[in-house]
Amino acid sequence: NKSADGAPREFPSKSSLQYPIPDECHAHQGNRSVDFKRLANAHFVYSAYLDERQGGEAYVRVIALLRKGEGVRLSCRMMLNGSKHVVRATFYEMCENHAKDFGGWIISCKVPPVKQPPCNVTLLLSIAGDERDVTVPVFKTSSPAPLSDFGVCVSPLFGHIPSTTLVEFIELTLLLGAAHFTFYLHEASLEMRRVLEFYAEQGVVSVLPWALPVPARAVW
């Protein structure tokens, strides 16, 4: 789908999802977009979130794409109350991995008990004596009060889905009470993009890029 000048058409501005950030971080926003960022030749990170569901304990959860069998050691560096804190990262392998060269992982970093949450996290990688790092913004996921509405996060779109099927899915889920949809776009036909663009213009749909940095066959 292209504009009149032949350039790829962007989704409407209403679909440009701005994740909430900790209140203390608004003065340090910088680039808060989400996309795959290279940590090393075979390892990538996508986004980071502040998880405060553990009743007093907080963690930064990082979505990552890692190559298997690399013996990765990761630490997380966070600026807290003006001081640098480095903690060892732990790993959780996502259940959708299919014994391919690359797989999805959740990297967890425990946040020390301080009043101000981290605005960014720097992942420090050590592999075969090589040191690398990449910094990503930290988004918050908790809400100050219970919400009556709910949103739907849809796994990355790929292949061809009939436009009527996509419309039926969105409309039925709206009838069931959904207020908003987040789609991750890996690839989509022109028909699928038109449907997403229509709902994005209504403010119902947000579309985030899911441009895999490795061949799809290496993941699934």
Protein backbone atom coordinates (compact mmCIF):
# COMPACT_ATOMS: atom_id res chain seq x y z
CA ASN A 1 0.00 0.00 0.00
CA LYS A 2 1.70 3.21 -1.16
CA SER A 3 1.01 6.93 -1.15
CA ALA A 4 0.68 9.07 -4.26
CA ASP A 5 4.44 9.69 -4.42
CA GLY A 6 5.16 5.96 -4.33
CA ALA A 7 6.47 5.86 -0.76
CA PRO A 8 5.16 3.16 1.62
CA ARG A 9 2.06 4.47 3.34
CA GLU A 10 2.25 4.88 7.10
CA PHE A 11 -0.60 3.92 9.38
CA PRO A 12 -2.74 6.84 10.63
CA SER A 13 -1.40 8.78 13.60
CA LYS A 14 -4.06 7.35 15.93
CA SER A 15 -2.47 3.93 15.47
CA SER A 16 0.92 5.13 16.69
CA LEU A 17 0.77 3.51 20.10
CA GLN A 18 2.50 5.41 22.90
CA TYR A 19 3.14 3.08 25.79
CA PRO A 20 2.78 4.64 29.24
CA ILE A 21 6.00 5.38 31.08
CA PRO A 22 6.71 5.89 34.79
CA ASP A 23 5.68 9.40 35.84
CA GLU A 24 9.22 10.22 36.93
CA CYS A 25 10.55 9.52 33.43
CA HIS A 26 8.70 12.13 31.38
CA ALA A 27 11.73 14.44 31.48
CA HIS A 28 13.91 11.67 30.00
CA GLN A 29 11.70 10.30 27.25
CA GLY A 30 14.08 10.29 24.27
CA ASN A 31 13.21 7.74 21.58
CA ARG A 32 10.46 5.53 22.99
CA SER A 33 9.65 3.56 19.86
CA VAL A 34 9.64 -0.23 19.84
CA ASP A 35 11.49 -2.35 17.32
CA PHE A 36 14.22 -4.97 17.29
CA LYS A 37 17.59 -3.60 18.39
CA ARG A 38 20.81 -5.54 17.87
CA LEU A 39 22.65 -6.55 21.01
CA ALA A 40 25.14 -8.78 19.19
CA ASN A 41 25.31 -10.48 15.81
CA ALA A 42 22.92 -13.20 16.92
CA HIS A 43 20.92 -11.54 19.70
CA PHE A 44 18.25 -8.84 19.60
CA VAL A 45 15.97 -7.06 22.09
CA TYR A 46 12.54 -5.64 21.31
CA SER A 47 11.15 -3.78 24.32
CA ALA A 48 11.22 -3.54 28.12
CA TYR A 49 8.44 -3.23 30.69
CA LEU A 50 8.22 -2.51 34.41
CA ASP A 51 6.44 -5.38 36.19
CA GLU A 52 5.18 -4.55 39.69
CA ARG A 53 2.75 -7.43 40.14
CA GLN A 54 4.82 -9.30 42.73
CA GLY A 55 3.53 -7.42 45.77
CA GLY A 56 6.35 -5.08 46.64
CA GLU A 57 8.95 -6.51 44.24
CA ALA A 58 9.56 -5.00 40.82
CA TYR A 59 11.21 -6.44 37.73
CA VAL A 60 12.14 -5.13 34.32
CA ARG A 61 10.98 -7.68 31.70
CA VAL A 62 12.72 -7.54 28.34
CA ILE A 63 11.39 -9.24 25.20
CA ALA A 64 14.32 -10.71 23.27
CA LEU A 65 15.18 -12.86 20.26
CA LEU A 66 18.21 -15.02 21.07
CA ARG A 67 20.21 -17.59 19.14
CA LYS A 68 20.28 -20.95 20.86
CA GLY A 69 23.46 -22.58 22.09
CA GLU A 70 25.42 -19.34 22.47
CA GLY A 71 26.02 -19.51 26.22
CA VAL A 72 24.76 -15.97 26.78
CA ARG A 73 25.41 -14.16 30.06
CA LEU A 74 23.45 -10.96 30.56
CA SER A 75 23.34 -8.26 33.20
CA CYS A 76 21.09 -5.22 33.46
CA ARG A 77 22.33 -1.74 34.33
CA MET A 78 19.82 0.77 35.65
CA MET A 79 20.13 4.33 36.89
CA LEU A 80 18.28 4.51 40.22
CA ASN A 81 18.31 7.59 42.48
CA GLY A 82 21.28 8.91 40.55
CA SER A 83 23.39 5.76 40.98
CA LYS A 84 24.15 2.88 38.62
CA HIS A 85 22.89 -0.54 39.68
CA VAL A 86 23.92 -3.73 37.88
CA VAL A 87 21.99 -6.98 38.46
CA ARG A 88 22.32 -10.41 36.88
CA ALA A 89 19.55 -11.24 34.39
CA THR A 90 17.48 -14.41 34.41
CA PHE A 91 15.93 -16.08 31.37
CA TYR A 92 12.52 -17.57 30.56
CA GLU A 93 12.12 -19.39 27.26
CA MET A 94 8.78 -18.74 25.55
CA CYS A 95 6.66 -21.79 24.85
CA GLU A 96 6.28 -20.86 21.18
CA ASN A 97 9.90 -21.71 20.39
CA HIS A 98 10.18 -24.57 17.91
CA ALA A 99 13.79 -25.82 18.29
CA LYS A 100 14.89 -23.42 15.55
CA ASP A 101 18.10 -21.40 15.45
CA PHE A 102 16.41 -18.43 17.14
CA GLY A 103 13.73 -18.26 19.81
CA GLY A 104 11.78 -15.78 21.91
CA TRP A 105 12.85 -15.17 25.50
CA ILE A 106 11.80 -13.00 28.43
CA ILE A 107 14.80 -11.54 30.22
CA SER A 108 14.09 -10.49 33.81
CA CYS A 109 16.05 -8.03 35.93
CA LYS A 110 15.07 -7.44 39.55
CA VAL A 111 14.80 -3.75 40.44
CA PRO A 112 16.34 -2.85 43.82
CA PRO A 113 13.85 -1.39 46.35
CA VAL A 114 14.08 2.31 45.51
CA LYS A 115 11.42 4.97 45.22
CA GLN A 116 12.04 5.96 41.58
CA PRO A 117 11.69 3.26 38.90
CA PRO A 118 14.23 3.00 36.06
CA CYS A 119 13.52 5.02 32.91
CA ASN A 120 15.86 2.92 30.77
CA VAL A 121 17.67 -0.37 31.07
CA THR A 122 21.02 -1.22 29.51
CA LEU A 123 21.58 -4.88 28.75
CA LEU A 124 25.21 -5.93 29.08
CA LEU A 125 26.15 -9.07 27.18
CA SER A 126 29.23 -11.18 27.66
CA ILE A 127 29.83 -13.96 25.14
CA ALA A 128 33.16 -15.64 24.41
CA GLY A 129 34.99 -12.72 26.00
CA ASP A 130 33.17 -10.15 23.87
CA GLU A 131 31.27 -7.37 25.68
CA ARG A 132 28.25 -5.66 24.07
CA ASP A 133 25.43 -3.45 25.33
CA VAL A 134 22.18 -1.88 24.17
CA THR A 135 19.83 0.53 25.97
CA VAL A 136 16.03 0.45 25.68
CA PRO A 137 13.31 2.55 27.36
CA VAL A 138 11.25 1.00 30.16
CA PHE A 139 7.47 1.14 29.83
CA LYS A 140 5.02 0.55 32.66
CA THR A 141 2.16 -1.93 32.45
CA SER A 142 0.32 -1.41 35.73
CA SER A 143 -2.72 0.81 36.07
CA PRO A 144 -3.46 3.02 39.10
CA ALA A 145 -7.05 1.76 39.25
CA PRO A 146 -9.01 -1.24 37.93
CA LEU A 147 -10.30 -0.73 34.42
CA SER A 148 -13.66 -1.85 33.10
CA ASP A 149 -12.43 -2.02 29.50
CA PHE A 150 -9.90 -4.46 28.17
CA GLY A 151 -7.54 -4.56 25.22
CA VAL A 152 -6.51 -7.39 22.94
CA CYS A 153 -2.90 -8.07 21.94
CA VAL A 154 -2.72 -10.11 18.72
CA SER A 155 0.32 -12.24 17.86
CA PRO A 156 2.36 -11.09 14.81
CA LEU A 157 0.43 -11.23 11.55
CA PHE A 158 1.92 -13.13 8.63
CA GLY A 159 0.66 -14.92 5.55
CA HIS A 160 -2.73 -14.19 4.03
CA ILE A 161 -5.83 -13.78 6.18
CA PRO A 162 -9.04 -12.99 4.27
CA SER A 163 -10.16 -9.44 4.98
CA THR A 164 -13.63 -10.69 5.94
CA THR A 165 -12.09 -12.97 8.59
CA LEU A 166 -10.08 -10.09 10.04
CA VAL A 167 -13.16 -7.84 10.14
CA GLU A 168 -15.23 -10.59 11.79
CA PHE A 169 -12.54 -11.10 14.45
CA ILE A 170 -12.37 -7.39 15.30
CA GLU A 171 -16.13 -6.80 15.28
CA LEU A 172 -16.98 -9.89 17.33
CA THR A 173 -14.33 -9.05 19.91
CA LEU A 174 -15.66 -5.50 20.12
CA LEU A 175 -19.12 -6.92 20.81
CA LEU A 176 -17.59 -8.98 23.63
CA GLY A 177 -16.34 -5.79 25.26
CA ALA A 178 -12.86 -5.12 23.89
CA ALA A 179 -11.88 -1.45 23.70
CA HIS A 180 -8.65 -1.60 21.73
CA PHE A 181 -6.46 -3.96 19.67
CA THR A 182 -2.69 -4.05 19.28
CA PHE A 183 -1.44 -5.80 16.15
CA TYR A 184 2.18 -6.68 15.46
CA LEU A 185 2.78 -6.51 11.73
CA HIS A 186 5.24 -8.98 10.23
CA GLU A 187 3.74 -9.12 6.77
CA ALA A 188 0.28 -8.45 5.40
CA SER A 189 -1.55 -8.32 2.11
CA LEU A 190 -2.94 -5.07 0.75
CA GLU A 191 -6.43 -6.15 1.83
CA MET A 192 -5.29 -6.83 5.39
CA ARG A 193 -3.51 -3.48 5.58
CA ARG A 194 -6.63 -1.65 4.38
CA VAL A 195 -8.69 -3.26 7.14
CA LEU A 196 -6.11 -2.33 9.78
CA GLU A 197 -5.87 1.21 8.42
CA PHE A 198 -9.65 1.62 8.59
CA TYR A 199 -9.81 0.60 12.25
CA ALA A 200 -6.67 2.59 13.06
CA GLU A 201 -8.41 5.71 11.76
CA GLN A 202 -11.23 4.98 14.23
CA GLY A 203 -8.71 4.77 17.08
CA VAL A 204 -9.61 1.11 17.66
CA VAL A 205 -6.39 -0.46 16.39
CA SER A 206 -2.70 0.23 16.98
CA VAL A 207 -0.11 -1.37 14.73
CA LEU A 208 3.49 -1.97 15.80
CA PRO A 209 6.29 -3.17 13.53
CA TRP A 210 7.45 -6.76 13.90
CA ALA A 211 10.22 -6.82 11.31
CA LEU A 212 12.23 -9.90 12.23
CA PRO A 213 15.97 -9.20 12.03
CA VAL A 214 16.62 -12.80 10.94
CA PRO A 215 14.97 -15.02 8.28
CA ALA A 216 11.52 -16.21 9.39
CA ARG A 217 12.49 -19.83 8.77
CA ALA A 218 15.13 -19.47 11.52
CA VAL A 219 12.35 -18.73 14.07
CA TRP A 220 9.39 -20.87 12.94
